[in-house]
């Protein structure tokens, strides 16, 4: 579903009509009662574990991280976007607790990892050879519109308002900016994450499965 559509309308399908399909991916409870989850049609009636396993076979080579020092309400949107664009993992840096409402239960299908500090997050990325790419409109940032994001990387976003913290900026291998044309000085991290992930997909991913 695209934002702006009527999300109050009932989604999904009712109980399976006819003889049930066979296979370990199918959930008997969903087959009997219907599947009203916000999942694509190819996963209708599948167990959650089966959906995650199938996604894990296809996950992309980028990770997403966001600083969480003030219980940023954008984190749920970042997780939802990460699920939509099939990020390898989402990393919450700072406070462990975050508002899951904006994730629209997509965190059930997305791997989420917590790092208490920037230093611990950077050490994790360094151990795996993943450059940390900061997304913020800062002096010296490269325009995302005319630059390609690395295939293997972690996209790091800051808090709503202040953006990336000073220690996070210092930890970034590169900084990328998103062009803006209006009067506002910034866009929120949820929106920025969707733009950045789509830029990665345009550069490195093929078409999604039907």
Protein backbone atom coordinates (compact mmCIF):
# COMPACT_ATOMS: atom_id res chain seq x y z
CA UNK A 1 0.00 0.00 0.00
CA UNK A 2 1.27 3.47 -0.88
CA UNK A 3 1.01 6.22 1.70
CA UNK A 4 -2.05 8.28 0.99
CA UNK A 5 -4.29 5.33 0.20
CA UNK A 6 -7.15 4.49 2.55
CA UNK A 7 -5.36 2.48 5.23
CA UNK A 8 -8.64 2.07 7.13
CA UNK A 9 -9.98 -0.24 4.40
CA UNK A 10 -9.80 -3.94 5.19
CA UNK A 11 -6.77 -5.59 3.64
CA UNK A 12 -5.82 -9.17 3.02
CA UNK A 13 -7.88 -12.25 2.30
CA UNK A 14 -10.40 -14.43 4.08
CA UNK A 15 -10.18 -18.14 4.90
CA UNK A 16 -8.72 -20.36 2.18
CA UNK A 17 -11.49 -21.65 -0.11
CA UNK A 18 -11.17 -25.29 -1.11
CA UNK A 19 -8.46 -27.82 -0.36
CA UNK A 20 -5.63 -26.36 1.68
CA UNK A 21 -2.19 -26.04 0.06
CA UNK A 22 0.60 -28.15 1.48
CA UNK A 23 4.03 -26.99 2.55
CA UNK A 24 5.81 -25.98 5.77
CA UNK A 25 5.47 -22.29 4.94
CA UNK A 26 1.69 -22.29 5.42
CA UNK A 27 0.06 -21.35 8.73
CA UNK A 28 -3.04 -23.47 9.51
CA UNK A 29 -4.55 -20.69 11.61
CA UNK A 30 -4.28 -18.20 8.75
CA UNK A 31 -5.66 -20.70 6.26
CA UNK A 32 -8.65 -21.30 8.52
CA UNK A 33 -9.35 -17.73 9.60
CA UNK A 34 -7.93 -15.54 6.84
CA UNK A 35 -4.81 -13.39 6.54
CA UNK A 36 -5.34 -9.68 7.23
CA UNK A 37 -1.67 -8.81 7.67
CA UNK A 38 -0.02 -6.01 5.71
CA UNK A 39 2.08 -8.34 3.56
CA UNK A 40 2.47 -8.71 -0.19
CA UNK A 41 0.29 -11.34 -1.86
CA UNK A 42 3.10 -13.84 -2.35
CA UNK A 43 3.29 -14.23 1.45
CA UNK A 44 -0.43 -14.69 2.09
CA UNK A 45 -1.11 -17.51 4.56
CA UNK A 46 2.63 -17.98 5.24
CA UNK A 47 4.02 -18.36 8.74
CA UNK A 48 5.98 -15.35 9.95
CA UNK A 49 9.14 -17.45 10.31
CA UNK A 50 8.78 -18.63 6.71
CA UNK A 51 8.41 -15.05 5.47
CA UNK A 52 11.55 -13.96 7.35
CA UNK A 53 13.51 -16.94 6.02
CA UNK A 54 12.51 -16.11 2.46
CA UNK A 55 13.43 -12.45 2.92
CA UNK A 56 16.79 -13.48 4.38
CA UNK A 57 17.65 -15.24 1.12
CA UNK A 58 17.26 -11.96 -0.78
CA UNK A 59 18.33 -9.21 1.59
CA UNK A 60 20.38 -6.40 0.11
CA UNK A 61 23.95 -5.45 0.95
CA UNK A 62 23.19 -2.23 2.83
CA UNK A 63 22.36 -1.69 6.49
CA UNK A 64 20.54 1.24 8.07
CA UNK A 65 21.37 2.90 11.38
CA UNK A 66 19.74 5.71 13.31
CA UNK A 67 20.77 7.55 16.45
CA UNK A 68 18.26 7.32 19.30
CA UNK A 69 19.12 9.74 22.08
CA UNK A 70 15.68 11.37 22.50
CA UNK A 71 13.23 8.54 21.67
CA UNK A 72 12.91 9.78 18.09
CA UNK A 73 9.45 9.01 16.69
CA UNK A 74 10.94 8.61 13.20
CA UNK A 75 12.58 5.29 14.04
CA UNK A 76 9.44 3.31 13.32
CA UNK A 77 9.27 4.83 9.85
CA UNK A 78 12.94 4.01 9.27
CA UNK A 79 12.27 0.37 10.17
CA UNK A 80 9.22 0.26 7.90
CA UNK A 81 11.27 1.69 5.03
CA UNK A 82 14.08 -0.78 5.72
CA UNK A 83 11.59 -3.62 5.38
CA UNK A 84 10.18 -2.18 2.15
CA UNK A 85 13.64 -1.85 0.57
CA UNK A 86 14.94 -5.09 2.17
CA UNK A 87 17.87 -3.75 4.17
CA UNK A 88 20.11 -6.36 5.75
CA UNK A 89 19.57 -4.96 9.25
CA UNK A 90 18.47 -1.86 11.13
CA UNK A 91 20.78 -0.60 13.87
CA UNK A 92 19.47 1.49 16.77
CA UNK A 93 22.33 3.48 18.29
CA UNK A 94 21.82 4.87 21.78
CA UNK A 95 18.66 4.17 23.78
CA UNK A 96 17.36 0.64 23.39
CA UNK A 97 13.67 1.56 23.66
CA UNK A 98 12.05 3.05 20.57
CA UNK A 99 8.49 3.79 19.46
CA UNK A 100 7.35 0.84 17.33
CA UNK A 101 4.04 2.34 16.27
CA UNK A 102 5.38 3.82 13.04
CA UNK A 103 6.89 0.48 12.04
CA UNK A 104 3.39 -0.93 11.43
CA UNK A 105 4.59 -4.35 12.73
CA UNK A 106 7.24 -4.59 10.00
CA UNK A 107 9.82 -5.06 12.77
CA UNK A 108 8.53 -8.64 12.95
CA UNK A 109 10.11 -9.24 9.55
CA UNK A 110 13.17 -7.00 9.85
CA UNK A 111 16.37 -7.73 11.79
CA UNK A 112 16.95 -4.94 14.35
CA UNK A 113 20.21 -4.70 16.32
CA UNK A 114 20.98 -2.37 19.24
CA UNK A 115 24.30 -0.61 19.95
CA UNK A 116 24.52 1.44 23.18
CA UNK A 117 27.13 3.86 21.79
CA UNK A 118 28.44 5.18 18.51
CA UNK A 119 31.84 3.65 19.27
CA UNK A 120 30.33 0.17 19.64
CA UNK A 121 28.32 0.61 16.44
CA UNK A 122 31.40 1.77 14.50
CA UNK A 123 33.44 -1.15 15.84
CA UNK A 124 30.72 -3.55 14.65
CA UNK A 125 30.73 -1.99 11.16
CA UNK A 126 34.53 -1.92 10.98
CA UNK A 127 34.79 -5.61 11.89
CA UNK A 128 32.61 -6.38 8.86
CA UNK A 129 34.32 -4.00 6.46
CA UNK A 130 31.23 -1.80 6.13
CA UNK A 131 31.83 1.93 5.60
CA UNK A 132 29.52 4.19 7.60
CA UNK A 133 27.78 6.63 5.26
CA UNK A 134 26.19 9.62 6.99
CA UNK A 135 23.05 11.13 5.44
CA UNK A 136 22.80 14.80 6.41
CA UNK A 137 22.87 18.16 4.66
CA UNK A 138 26.19 19.30 6.05
CA UNK A 139 29.04 21.31 4.51
CA UNK A 140 31.18 18.99 2.43
CA UNK A 141 28.43 16.40 1.87
CA UNK A 142 28.27 14.87 -1.59
CA UNK A 143 24.94 15.32 -3.41
CA UNK A 144 23.10 12.02 -3.54
CA UNK A 145 21.50 13.03 -6.83
CA UNK A 146 24.82 12.93 -8.67
CA UNK A 147 26.70 10.29 -6.65
CA UNK A 148 26.31 6.56 -6.20
CA UNK A 149 26.11 5.09 -2.72
CA UNK A 150 28.54 2.20 -2.05
CA UNK A 151 27.05 -1.26 -2.53
CA UNK A 152 28.24 -2.52 0.86
CA UNK A 153 27.62 0.10 3.54
CA UNK A 154 25.66 1.31 6.54
CA UNK A 155 23.48 4.38 6.00
CA UNK A 156 23.50 6.41 9.22
CA UNK A 157 20.80 8.95 10.12
CA UNK A 158 20.67 11.39 13.02
CA UNK A 159 17.98 12.66 15.34
CA UNK A 160 15.05 14.75 14.19
CA UNK A 161 16.15 18.40 14.48
CA UNK A 162 19.88 18.30 15.26
CA UNK A 163 20.72 15.62 12.69
CA UNK A 164 23.86 13.57 13.15
CA UNK A 165 25.69 14.11 16.43
CA UNK A 166 29.26 15.39 16.31
CA UNK A 167 30.66 11.98 17.26
CA UNK A 168 28.57 10.30 14.56
CA UNK A 169 29.79 12.76 11.91
CA UNK A 170 33.38 12.06 12.88
CA UNK A 171 32.77 8.32 12.50
CA UNK A 172 31.42 8.57 8.95
CA UNK A 173 33.55 7.51 6.01
CA UNK A 174 31.51 9.80 3.75
CA UNK A 175 28.60 12.21 4.02
CA UNK A 176 25.79 12.46 1.48
CA UNK A 177 23.13 15.16 1.21
CA UNK A 178 19.60 15.20 -0.21
CA UNK A 179 18.71 18.19 -2.36
CA UNK A 180 15.91 20.41 -1.02
CA UNK A 181 14.23 23.29 -2.81
CA UNK A 182 11.74 24.82 -0.36
CA UNK A 183 11.92 26.94 2.76
CA UNK A 184 12.37 24.22 5.38
CA UNK A 185 15.91 23.61 6.57
CA UNK A 186 15.53 19.84 6.82
CA UNK A 187 13.34 16.81 6.22
CA UNK A 188 12.73 14.26 8.93
CA UNK A 189 14.81 11.13 9.27
CA UNK A 190 11.95 8.87 8.22
CA UNK A 191 11.57 10.63 4.88
CA UNK A 192 15.33 10.92 4.38
CA UNK A 193 15.80 7.22 5.01
CA UNK A 194 13.28 6.31 2.32
CA UNK A 195 14.97 8.58 -0.21
CA UNK A 196 18.42 7.20 0.59
CA UNK A 197 17.35 3.57 0.49
CA UNK A 198 15.61 4.10 -2.83
CA UNK A 199 18.78 5.72 -4.19
CA UNK A 200 20.71 2.60 -3.15
CA UNK A 201 18.11 0.35 -4.81
CA UNK A 202 18.26 2.34 -8.05
CA UNK A 203 22.03 1.92 -8.15
CA UNK A 204 22.43 -1.70 -7.06
CA UNK A 205 19.18 -3.73 -7.06
CA UNK A 206 17.18 -5.42 -9.75
CA UNK A 207 13.39 -5.48 -10.01
CA UNK A 208 11.47 -6.92 -7.04
CA UNK A 209 10.02 -10.43 -7.28
CA UNK A 210 6.49 -10.69 -8.63
